[in-house]
Amino acid sequence: MNKESLFDKIIKRFYGITGPFDEQKRQQANKLGNQVFICLSWFLLFANAIVLTLANQYPQIIAWAYPAVVELVLLGLFFYITWKSHQTHLTDIEPELQSPKEEKQFKHNTLKIFCYSALTFYVFMSVFRYLTDGGKTLFNIHTQLQLLAGSFISALIITISAYFMIQLRIKNGREEEE
């Protein structure tokens, strides 16, 4: 049995591929990645040209608008990747290829998603609050409780949505199998 390389694991994680990473899934992932890379390259080429020409005349507008536009384009590309990978059945869960051990680990993985997302939200929200407040509220217990509660709620929403999304994918895989 071939051991997966780190690059294969990263691709599987990024595209949400479960099960074996065969040649067909690899080609679909590469095709989708190439399409997004080409779109992103052309966007950055033209956007940077526009920003460089307008930076001296409108520096404050450029400082706020450019990151916002880049973020919106990236979100659009991520939604495109998600939609296209679902449309090409790249993310389908194949129940016959899952072992009973993987099915039992499903709840454990859901708990790991919750812990990782809660910790990530807490760290990022703390850093953001520190940078925006200048460190004034970093050691305030009320602020830390707000951050902790916000992180917990955000992680709970992500975990519940991930749980139901995976359950739906498993259900659809079983229906297609029958």
N, C-alpha and C. Protein backbone atom coordinates (compact mmCIF):
# COMPACT_ATOMS: atom_id res chain seq x y z
N MET A 1 0.84 -1.18 0.00
CA MET A 1 0.00 0.00 0.00
C MET A 1 0.89 1.24 0.00
N ASN A 2 0.60 2.15 -0.90
CA ASN A 2 1.39 3.38 -1.00
C ASN A 2 0.98 4.36 0.09
N LYS A 3 1.96 4.95 0.71
CA LYS A 3 1.68 5.97 1.71
C LYS A 3 1.47 7.30 0.99
N GLU A 4 0.45 8.05 1.44
CA GLU A 4 0.16 9.33 0.81
C GLU A 4 1.23 10.35 1.17
N SER A 5 1.59 11.14 0.20
CA SER A 5 2.55 12.21 0.47
C SER A 5 1.85 13.37 1.17
N LEU A 6 2.62 14.26 1.71
CA LEU A 6 2.07 15.43 2.39
C LEU A 6 1.25 16.27 1.42
N PHE A 7 1.74 16.40 0.18
CA PHE A 7 1.03 17.19 -0.82
C PHE A 7 -0.34 16.58 -1.13
N ASP A 8 -0.41 15.26 -1.22
CA ASP A 8 -1.69 14.60 -1.45
C ASP A 8 -2.65 14.82 -0.29
N LYS A 9 -2.13 14.79 0.93
CA LYS A 9 -2.97 15.03 2.10
C LYS A 9 -3.50 16.46 2.11
N ILE A 10 -2.66 17.40 1.71
CA ILE A 10 -3.09 18.80 1.66
C ILE A 10 -4.17 18.98 0.60
N ILE A 11 -3.99 18.37 -0.56
CA ILE A 11 -4.99 18.48 -1.62
C ILE A 11 -6.31 17.86 -1.17
N LYS A 12 -6.24 16.69 -0.55
CA LYS A 12 -7.45 16.03 -0.08
C LYS A 12 -8.17 16.89 0.96
N ARG A 13 -7.42 17.50 1.85
CA ARG A 13 -8.02 18.33 2.88
C ARG A 13 -8.63 19.60 2.28
N PHE A 14 -7.92 20.22 1.33
CA PHE A 14 -8.39 21.47 0.74
C PHE A 14 -9.68 21.27 -0.05
N TYR A 15 -9.74 20.22 -0.85
CA TYR A 15 -10.91 19.97 -1.68
C TYR A 15 -11.99 19.16 -0.98
N GLY A 16 -11.73 18.64 0.19
CA GLY A 16 -12.71 17.85 0.93
C GLY A 16 -12.88 16.45 0.39
N ILE A 17 -11.82 15.88 -0.15
CA ILE A 17 -11.88 14.56 -0.75
C ILE A 17 -11.72 13.52 0.35
N THR A 18 -12.64 12.55 0.36
CA THR A 18 -12.53 11.44 1.30
C THR A 18 -12.28 10.17 0.51
N GLY A 19 -11.74 9.19 1.18
CA GLY A 19 -11.47 7.93 0.50
C GLY A 19 -10.16 7.99 -0.25
N PRO A 20 -9.96 7.02 -1.14
CA PRO A 20 -8.69 6.98 -1.88
C PRO A 20 -8.58 8.14 -2.87
N PHE A 21 -7.36 8.60 -3.06
CA PHE A 21 -7.08 9.71 -3.97
C PHE A 21 -6.56 9.12 -5.28
N ASP A 22 -7.51 8.66 -6.10
CA ASP A 22 -7.14 7.98 -7.34
C ASP A 22 -6.81 8.98 -8.43
N GLU A 23 -6.45 8.46 -9.59
CA GLU A 23 -5.99 9.31 -10.70
C GLU A 23 -7.10 10.23 -11.22
N GLN A 24 -8.34 9.75 -11.25
CA GLN A 24 -9.44 10.58 -11.73
C GLN A 24 -9.67 11.78 -10.80
N LYS A 25 -9.68 11.53 -9.50
CA LYS A 25 -9.85 12.64 -8.55
C LYS A 25 -8.67 13.60 -8.62
N ARG A 26 -7.49 13.07 -8.82
CA ARG A 26 -6.30 13.92 -8.94
C ARG A 26 -6.41 14.83 -10.16
N GLN A 27 -6.86 14.29 -11.29
CA GLN A 27 -7.00 15.10 -12.51
C GLN A 27 -8.07 16.17 -12.33
N GLN A 28 -9.20 15.81 -11.71
CA GLN A 28 -10.24 16.81 -11.48
C GLN A 28 -9.77 17.91 -10.54
N ALA A 29 -9.05 17.54 -9.49
CA ALA A 29 -8.53 18.54 -8.55
C ALA A 29 -7.51 19.44 -9.23
N ASN A 30 -6.63 18.85 -10.05
CA ASN A 30 -5.64 19.66 -10.77
C ASN A 30 -6.30 20.60 -11.76
N LYS A 31 -7.32 20.12 -12.46
CA LYS A 31 -8.03 20.96 -13.43
C LYS A 31 -8.70 22.13 -12.73
N LEU A 32 -9.38 21.85 -11.63
CA LEU A 32 -10.05 22.90 -10.88
C LEU A 32 -9.04 23.90 -10.30
N GLY A 33 -7.94 23.39 -9.76
CA GLY A 33 -6.90 24.26 -9.22
C GLY A 33 -6.27 25.14 -10.29
N ASN A 34 -6.06 24.58 -11.47
CA ASN A 34 -5.48 25.36 -12.57
C ASN A 34 -6.43 26.47 -13.02
N GLN A 35 -7.73 26.17 -13.09
CA GLN A 35 -8.70 27.20 -13.48
C GLN A 35 -8.70 28.36 -12.49
N VAL A 36 -8.71 28.03 -11.22
CA VAL A 36 -8.73 29.08 -10.19
C VAL A 36 -7.42 29.85 -10.18
N PHE A 37 -6.30 29.17 -10.37
CA PHE A 37 -5.01 29.85 -10.40
C PHE A 37 -4.93 30.83 -11.57
N ILE A 38 -5.42 30.44 -12.73
CA ILE A 38 -5.40 31.34 -13.89
C ILE A 38 -6.26 32.57 -13.63
N CYS A 39 -7.47 32.37 -13.10
CA CYS A 39 -8.34 33.51 -12.79
C CYS A 39 -7.69 34.44 -11.76
N LEU A 40 -7.12 33.86 -10.73
CA LEU A 40 -6.50 34.66 -9.68
C LEU A 40 -5.27 35.40 -10.20
N SER A 41 -4.50 34.77 -11.06
CA SER A 41 -3.30 35.43 -11.62
C SER A 41 -3.68 36.64 -12.45
N TRP A 42 -4.66 36.48 -13.33
CA TRP A 42 -5.08 37.62 -14.15
C TRP A 42 -5.69 38.73 -13.30
N PHE A 43 -6.50 38.35 -12.30
CA PHE A 43 -7.07 39.36 -11.42
C PHE A 43 -5.98 40.15 -10.71
N LEU A 44 -5.01 39.45 -10.13
CA LEU A 44 -3.94 40.14 -9.41
C LEU A 44 -3.09 41.00 -10.33
N LEU A 45 -2.86 40.55 -11.55
CA LEU A 45 -2.09 41.33 -12.51
C LEU A 45 -2.77 42.66 -12.80
N PHE A 46 -4.06 42.61 -13.13
CA PHE A 46 -4.78 43.85 -13.45
C PHE A 46 -5.04 44.70 -12.21
N ALA A 47 -5.38 44.07 -11.10
CA ALA A 47 -5.66 44.83 -9.88
C ALA A 47 -4.41 45.55 -9.39
N ASN A 48 -3.27 44.89 -9.42
CA ASN A 48 -2.03 45.56 -9.00
C ASN A 48 -1.66 46.69 -9.94
N ALA A 49 -1.90 46.54 -11.23
CA ALA A 49 -1.63 47.62 -12.18
C ALA A 49 -2.51 48.83 -11.88
N ILE A 50 -3.77 48.59 -11.59
CA ILE A 50 -4.69 49.68 -11.26
C ILE A 50 -4.28 50.34 -9.94
N VAL A 51 -3.94 49.54 -8.96
CA VAL A 51 -3.55 50.07 -7.65
C VAL A 51 -2.28 50.90 -7.77
N LEU A 52 -1.31 50.44 -8.53
CA LEU A 52 -0.06 51.20 -8.67
C LEU A 52 -0.28 52.53 -9.38
N THR A 53 -1.20 52.58 -10.32
CA THR A 53 -1.44 53.85 -11.02
C THR A 53 -2.24 54.83 -10.17
N LEU A 54 -3.10 54.33 -9.29
CA LEU A 54 -3.95 55.21 -8.50
C LEU A 54 -3.44 55.45 -7.08
N ALA A 55 -2.36 54.82 -6.69
CA ALA A 55 -1.89 54.88 -5.30
C ALA A 55 -1.47 56.29 -4.87
N ASN A 56 -0.89 57.07 -5.76
CA ASN A 56 -0.46 58.42 -5.38
C ASN A 56 -1.64 59.38 -5.27
N GLN A 57 -2.66 59.20 -6.11
CA GLN A 57 -3.79 60.13 -6.09
C GLN A 57 -4.78 59.82 -4.97
N TYR A 58 -5.04 58.56 -4.73
CA TYR A 58 -6.07 58.15 -3.75
C TYR A 58 -5.52 57.10 -2.78
N PRO A 59 -4.55 57.46 -1.95
CA PRO A 59 -3.93 56.43 -1.10
C PRO A 59 -4.88 55.84 -0.04
N GLN A 60 -5.74 56.67 0.52
CA GLN A 60 -6.62 56.16 1.57
C GLN A 60 -7.70 55.24 1.00
N ILE A 61 -8.22 55.58 -0.14
CA ILE A 61 -9.23 54.72 -0.78
C ILE A 61 -8.61 53.39 -1.17
N ILE A 62 -7.41 53.44 -1.73
CA ILE A 62 -6.72 52.22 -2.14
C ILE A 62 -6.42 51.34 -0.92
N ALA A 63 -6.04 51.97 0.19
CA ALA A 63 -5.70 51.20 1.39
C ALA A 63 -6.89 50.43 1.94
N TRP A 64 -8.09 50.94 1.74
CA TRP A 64 -9.28 50.24 2.22
C TRP A 64 -9.94 49.38 1.15
N ALA A 65 -9.97 49.87 -0.07
CA ALA A 65 -10.71 49.17 -1.12
C ALA A 65 -9.98 47.94 -1.64
N TYR A 66 -8.68 48.03 -1.82
CA TYR A 66 -7.94 46.92 -2.43
C TYR A 66 -8.01 45.63 -1.60
N PRO A 67 -7.73 45.68 -0.30
CA PRO A 67 -7.86 44.43 0.48
C PRO A 67 -9.29 43.89 0.49
N ALA A 68 -10.27 44.79 0.52
CA ALA A 68 -11.66 44.33 0.52
C ALA A 68 -12.02 43.64 -0.80
N VAL A 69 -11.58 44.21 -1.91
CA VAL A 69 -11.86 43.60 -3.21
C VAL A 69 -11.13 42.27 -3.35
N VAL A 70 -9.90 42.21 -2.91
CA VAL A 70 -9.15 40.95 -2.97
C VAL A 70 -9.84 39.88 -2.12
N GLU A 71 -10.30 40.27 -0.95
CA GLU A 71 -11.00 39.32 -0.08
C GLU A 71 -12.29 38.82 -0.73
N LEU A 72 -13.04 39.71 -1.35
CA LEU A 72 -14.28 39.29 -2.02
C LEU A 72 -13.99 38.36 -3.20
N VAL A 73 -12.95 38.65 -3.95
CA VAL A 73 -12.59 37.77 -5.07
C VAL A 73 -12.16 36.40 -4.56
N LEU A 74 -11.37 36.38 -3.49
CA LEU A 74 -10.95 35.10 -2.92
C LEU A 74 -12.14 34.29 -2.40
N LEU A 75 -13.07 34.96 -1.72
CA LEU A 75 -14.26 34.26 -1.26
C LEU A 75 -15.07 33.72 -2.43
N GLY A 76 -15.18 34.51 -3.50
CA GLY A 76 -15.87 34.03 -4.70
C GLY A 76 -15.19 32.81 -5.30
N LEU A 77 -13.87 32.82 -5.34
CA LEU A 77 -13.14 31.67 -5.87
C LEU A 77 -13.28 30.45 -4.97
N PHE A 78 -13.30 30.65 -3.66
CA PHE A 78 -13.50 29.52 -2.75
C PHE A 78 -14.90 28.93 -2.92
N PHE A 79 -15.90 29.79 -3.09
CA PHE A 79 -17.25 29.28 -3.34
C PHE A 79 -17.31 28.53 -4.67
N TYR A 80 -16.58 29.02 -5.67
CA TYR A 80 -16.52 28.33 -6.96
C TYR A 80 -15.88 26.96 -6.81
N ILE A 81 -14.80 26.89 -6.04
CA ILE A 81 -14.13 25.60 -5.81
C ILE A 81 -15.08 24.63 -5.11
N THR A 82 -15.78 25.11 -4.10
CA THR A 82 -16.72 24.25 -3.38
C THR A 82 -17.84 23.77 -4.29
N TRP A 83 -18.42 24.67 -5.05
CA TRP A 83 -19.51 24.32 -5.95
C TRP A 83 -19.05 23.35 -7.03
N LYS A 84 -17.92 23.64 -7.63
CA LYS A 84 -17.42 22.80 -8.73
C LYS A 84 -16.99 21.42 -8.22
N SER A 85 -16.38 21.35 -7.05
CA SER A 85 -15.97 20.05 -6.53
C SER A 85 -17.19 19.21 -6.15
N HIS A 86 -18.25 19.85 -5.71
CA HIS A 86 -19.50 19.12 -5.45
C HIS A 86 -20.15 18.68 -6.76
N GLN A 87 -20.11 19.55 -7.75
CA GLN A 87 -20.73 19.25 -9.04
C GLN A 87 -20.02 18.10 -9.76
N THR A 88 -18.72 18.04 -9.65
CA THR A 88 -17.96 16.97 -10.32
C THR A 88 -17.83 15.72 -9.45
N HIS A 89 -18.55 15.68 -8.32
CA HIS A 89 -18.55 14.54 -7.40
C HIS A 89 -17.16 14.25 -6.84
N LEU A 90 -16.39 15.29 -6.70
CA LEU A 90 -15.05 15.15 -6.14
C LEU A 90 -15.11 14.89 -4.64
N THR A 91 -16.14 15.41 -3.99
CA THR A 91 -16.25 15.31 -2.53
C THR A 91 -17.20 14.21 -2.08
N ASP A 92 -17.67 13.38 -2.99
CA ASP A 92 -18.60 12.32 -2.61
C ASP A 92 -17.94 11.34 -1.65
N ILE A 93 -18.73 10.91 -0.69
CA ILE A 93 -18.26 9.89 0.24
C ILE A 93 -18.74 8.55 -0.28
N GLU A 94 -17.82 7.64 -0.45
CA GLU A 94 -18.15 6.31 -0.96
C GLU A 94 -18.23 5.36 0.23
N PRO A 95 -19.46 4.99 0.64
CA PRO A 95 -19.61 4.19 1.86
C PRO A 95 -18.93 2.82 1.79
N GLU A 96 -18.86 2.23 0.60
CA GLU A 96 -18.25 0.90 0.52
C GLU A 96 -16.75 0.95 0.75
N LEU A 97 -16.14 2.12 0.59
CA LEU A 97 -14.70 2.24 0.81
C LEU A 97 -14.35 2.65 2.24
N GLN A 98 -15.38 2.95 3.04
CA GLN A 98 -15.13 3.35 4.42
C GLN A 98 -15.10 2.11 5.32
N SER A 99 -14.15 2.09 6.19
CA SER A 99 -14.07 0.99 7.15
C SER A 99 -14.97 1.32 8.35
N PRO A 100 -15.35 0.30 9.10
CA PRO A 100 -16.15 0.56 10.31
C PRO A 100 -15.42 1.46 11.31
N LYS A 101 -14.10 1.38 11.31
CA LYS A 101 -13.32 2.23 12.21
C LYS A 101 -13.49 3.70 11.85
N GLU A 102 -13.52 4.01 10.54
CA GLU A 102 -13.70 5.40 10.10
C GLU A 102 -15.08 5.92 10.47
N GLU A 103 -16.09 5.05 10.39
CA GLU A 103 -17.44 5.47 10.76
C GLU A 103 -17.53 5.77 12.26
N LYS A 104 -16.81 4.98 13.08
CA LYS A 104 -16.82 5.22 14.52
C LYS A 104 -16.07 6.49 14.88
N GLN A 105 -15.08 6.85 14.09
CA GLN A 105 -14.29 8.05 14.38
C GLN A 105 -15.00 9.33 13.96
N PHE A 106 -16.16 9.21 13.35
CA PHE A 106 -16.87 10.38 12.85
C PHE A 106 -17.19 11.37 13.98
N LYS A 107 -17.73 10.87 15.10
CA LYS A 107 -18.06 11.76 16.21
C LYS A 107 -16.80 12.36 16.83
N HIS A 108 -15.74 11.57 16.89
CA HIS A 108 -14.46 12.07 17.42
C HIS A 108 -13.93 13.19 16.53
N ASN A 109 -14.05 13.04 15.22
CA ASN A 109 -13.59 14.07 14.29
C ASN A 109 -14.44 15.33 14.41
N THR A 110 -15.74 15.17 14.66
CA THR A 110 -16.61 16.32 14.84
C THR A 110 -16.19 17.11 16.08
N LEU A 111 -15.84 16.41 17.14
CA LEU A 111 -15.36 17.08 18.35
C LEU A 111 -14.04 17.80 18.09
N LYS A 112 -13.16 17.20 17.29
CA LYS A 112 -11.90 17.86 16.95
C LYS A 112 -12.16 19.12 16.13
N ILE A 113 -13.12 19.08 15.21
CA ILE A 113 -13.48 20.28 14.44
C ILE A 113 -13.91 21.39 15.39
N PHE A 114 -14.74 21.05 16.37
CA PHE A 114 -15.21 22.04 17.33
C PHE A 114 -14.04 22.65 18.11
N CYS A 115 -13.16 21.82 18.62
CA CYS A 115 -12.04 22.32 19.43
C CYS A 115 -11.10 23.20 18.61
N TYR A 116 -10.75 22.75 17.41
CA TYR A 116 -9.85 23.54 16.57
C TYR A 116 -10.47 24.87 16.17
N SER A 117 -11.74 24.85 15.78
CA SER A 117 -12.35 26.11 15.34
C SER A 117 -12.54 27.06 16.53
N ALA A 118 -12.89 26.55 17.70
CA ALA A 118 -13.04 27.42 18.87
C ALA A 118 -11.71 28.06 19.25
N LEU A 119 -10.66 27.27 19.27
CA LEU A 119 -9.34 27.80 19.60
C LEU A 119 -8.88 28.82 18.57
N THR A 120 -9.10 28.51 17.29
CA THR A 120 -8.69 29.43 16.22
C THR A 120 -9.46 30.74 16.31
N PHE A 121 -10.78 30.67 16.51
CA PHE A 121 -11.56 31.90 16.63
C PHE A 121 -11.10 32.71 17.84
N TYR A 122 -10.85 32.06 18.96
CA TYR A 122 -10.43 32.78 20.15
C TYR A 122 -9.10 33.50 19.93
N VAL A 123 -8.14 32.82 19.33
CA VAL A 123 -6.83 33.44 19.09
C VAL A 123 -6.96 34.61 18.13
N PHE A 124 -7.65 34.39 17.00
CA PHE A 124 -7.77 35.46 16.02
C PHE A 124 -8.57 36.64 16.55
N MET A 125 -9.64 36.37 17.28
CA MET A 125 -10.42 37.47 17.83
C MET A 125 -9.64 38.23 18.90
N SER A 126 -8.82 37.53 19.69
CA SER A 126 -7.99 38.21 20.69
C SER A 126 -6.94 39.10 20.03
N VAL A 127 -6.30 38.58 19.00
CA VAL A 127 -5.29 39.38 18.28
C VAL A 127 -5.95 40.58 17.62
N PHE A 128 -7.10 40.37 17.00
CA PHE A 128 -7.81 41.48 16.35
C PHE A 128 -8.23 42.53 17.37
N ARG A 129 -8.74 42.09 18.51
CA ARG A 129 -9.14 43.03 19.56
C ARG A 129 -7.93 43.79 20.10
N TYR A 130 -6.81 43.09 20.25
CA TYR A 130 -5.58 43.73 20.73
C TYR A 130 -5.11 44.80 19.75
N LEU A 131 -5.16 44.49 18.45
CA LEU A 131 -4.69 45.44 17.45
C LEU A 131 -5.63 46.63 17.30
N THR A 132 -6.92 46.43 17.45
CA THR A 132 -7.86 47.54 17.29
C THR A 132 -7.96 48.40 18.54
N ASP A 133 -7.81 47.81 19.73
CA ASP A 133 -7.92 48.58 20.97
C ASP A 133 -6.58 49.09 21.47
N GLY A 134 -5.52 48.69 20.86
CA GLY A 134 -4.20 49.11 21.32
C GLY A 134 -3.78 48.40 22.60
N GLY A 135 -4.35 47.26 22.88
CA GLY A 135 -3.97 46.49 24.06
C GLY A 135 -4.64 46.93 25.34
N LYS A 136 -5.61 47.84 25.28
CA LYS A 136 -6.25 48.35 26.49
C LYS A 136 -7.14 47.30 27.16
N THR A 137 -7.79 46.47 26.35
CA THR A 137 -8.75 45.51 26.91
C THR A 137 -8.23 44.08 26.92
N LEU A 138 -6.94 43.91 26.76
CA LEU A 138 -6.39 42.56 26.66
C LEU A 138 -6.58 41.77 27.96
N PHE A 139 -6.39 42.40 29.09
CA PHE A 139 -6.48 41.69 30.36
C PHE A 139 -7.79 41.96 31.10
N ASN A 140 -8.77 42.50 30.41
CA ASN A 140 -10.07 42.75 30.99
C ASN A 140 -10.86 41.44 30.97
N ILE A 141 -11.33 40.98 32.13
CA ILE A 141 -12.01 39.69 32.21
C ILE A 141 -13.33 39.71 31.44
N HIS A 142 -14.01 40.85 31.43
CA HIS A 142 -15.28 40.95 30.70
C HIS A 142 -15.05 40.78 29.20
N THR A 143 -14.01 41.40 28.69
CA THR A 143 -13.69 41.27 27.27
C THR A 143 -13.29 39.85 26.92
N GLN A 144 -12.51 39.22 27.80
CA GLN A 144 -12.08 37.85 27.53
C GLN A 144 -13.27 36.88 27.56
N LEU A 145 -14.22 37.12 28.46
CA LEU A 145 -15.42 36.28 28.49
C LEU A 145 -16.25 36.48 27.22
N GLN A 146 -16.32 37.71 26.74
CA GLN A 146 -17.02 37.97 25.47
C GLN A 146 -16.35 37.23 24.33
N LEU A 147 -15.03 37.30 24.27
CA LEU A 147 -14.29 36.60 23.22
C LEU A 147 -14.48 35.10 23.31
N LEU A 148 -14.45 34.57 24.52
CA LEU A 148 -14.62 33.14 24.72
C LEU A 148 -16.02 32.69 24.31
N ALA A 149 -17.04 33.47 24.69
CA ALA A 149 -18.41 33.13 24.32
C ALA A 149 -18.60 33.24 22.80
N GLY A 150 -18.05 34.28 22.20
CA GLY A 150 -18.15 34.41 20.75
C GLY A 150 -17.45 33.29 20.02
N SER A 151 -16.30 32.89 20.52
CA SER A 151 -15.56 31.77 19.91
C SER A 151 -16.34 30.48 20.05
N PHE A 152 -16.93 30.27 21.21
CA PHE A 152 -17.70 29.06 21.46
C PHE A 152 -18.91 28.98 20.53
N ILE A 153 -19.63 30.09 20.39
CA ILE A 153 -20.81 30.11 19.53
C ILE A 153 -20.42 29.93 18.07
N SER A 154 -19.38 30.60 17.63
CA SER A 154 -18.92 30.45 16.25
C SER A 154 -18.48 29.02 15.96
N ALA A 155 -17.75 28.43 16.88
CA ALA A 155 -17.30 27.04 16.70
C ALA A 155 -18.47 26.08 16.70
N LEU A 156 -19.46 26.35 17.53
CA LEU A 156 -20.65 25.50 17.57
C LEU A 156 -21.40 25.55 16.25
N ILE A 157 -21.53 26.72 15.68
CA ILE A 157 -22.21 26.86 14.38
C ILE A 157 -21.44 26.12 13.30
N ILE A 158 -20.13 26.27 13.27
CA ILE A 158 -19.31 25.58 12.27
C ILE A 158 -19.40 24.07 12.45
N THR A 159 -19.34 23.60 13.69
CA THR A 159 -19.37 22.16 13.95
C THR A 159 -20.71 21.56 13.56
N ILE A 160 -21.79 22.22 13.91
CA ILE A 160 -23.11 21.70 13.56
C ILE A 160 -23.30 21.67 12.06
N SER A 161 -22.88 22.72 11.37
CA SER A 161 -23.02 22.74 9.91
C SER A 161 -22.14 21.67 9.27
N ALA A 162 -20.92 21.48 9.77
CA ALA A 162 -20.05 20.44 9.22
C ALA A 162 -20.62 19.06 9.49
N TYR A 163 -21.19 18.85 10.66
CA TYR A 163 -21.77 17.55 11.00
C TYR A 163 -22.91 17.21 10.05
N PHE A 164 -23.84 18.15 9.86
CA PHE A 164 -24.97 17.88 8.99
C PHE A 164 -24.56 17.77 7.52
N MET A 165 -23.56 18.53 7.12
CA MET A 165 -23.08 18.43 5.74
C MET A 165 -22.46 17.06 5.48
N ILE A 166 -21.69 16.56 6.42
CA ILE A 166 -21.07 15.24 6.25
C ILE A 166 -22.13 14.15 6.32
N GLN A 167 -23.11 14.30 7.22
CA GLN A 167 -24.19 13.32 7.28
C GLN A 167 -24.97 13.28 5.96
N LEU A 168 -25.21 14.43 5.36
CA LEU A 168 -25.92 14.49 4.08
C LEU A 168 -25.10 13.84 2.98
N ARG A 169 -23.79 14.06 3.00
CA ARG A 169 -22.93 13.43 1.99
C ARG A 169 -22.92 11.92 2.14
N ILE A 170 -22.89 11.42 3.38
CA ILE A 170 -22.93 9.98 3.61
C ILE A 170 -24.27 9.41 3.16
N LYS A 171 -25.35 10.10 3.48
CA LYS A 171 -26.69 9.64 3.08
C LYS A 171 -26.81 9.60 1.55
N ASN A 172 -26.33 10.64 0.88
CA ASN A 172 -26.38 10.65 -0.59
C ASN A 172 -25.51 9.55 -1.18
N GLY A 173 -24.37 9.27 -0.57
CA GLY A 173 -23.51 8.19 -1.05
C GLY A 173 -24.17 6.83 -0.91
N ARG A 174 -24.88 6.62 0.19
CA ARG A 174 -25.58 5.34 0.39
C ARG A 174 -26.75 5.20 -0.58
N GLU A 175 -27.46 6.31 -0.83
CA GLU A 175 -28.58 6.25 -1.78
C GLU A 175 -28.10 5.95 -3.19
N GLU A 176 -26.98 6.53 -3.58
CA GLU A 176 -26.44 6.26 -4.91
C GLU A 176 -25.93 4.83 -5.02
N GLU A 177 -25.46 4.28 -3.89
CA GLU A 177 -24.97 2.91 -3.89
C GLU A 177 -26.11 1.92 -4.11
N GLU A 178 -27.27 2.22 -3.54
CA GLU A 178 -28.42 1.32 -3.68
C GLU A 178 -29.05 1.52 -5.01
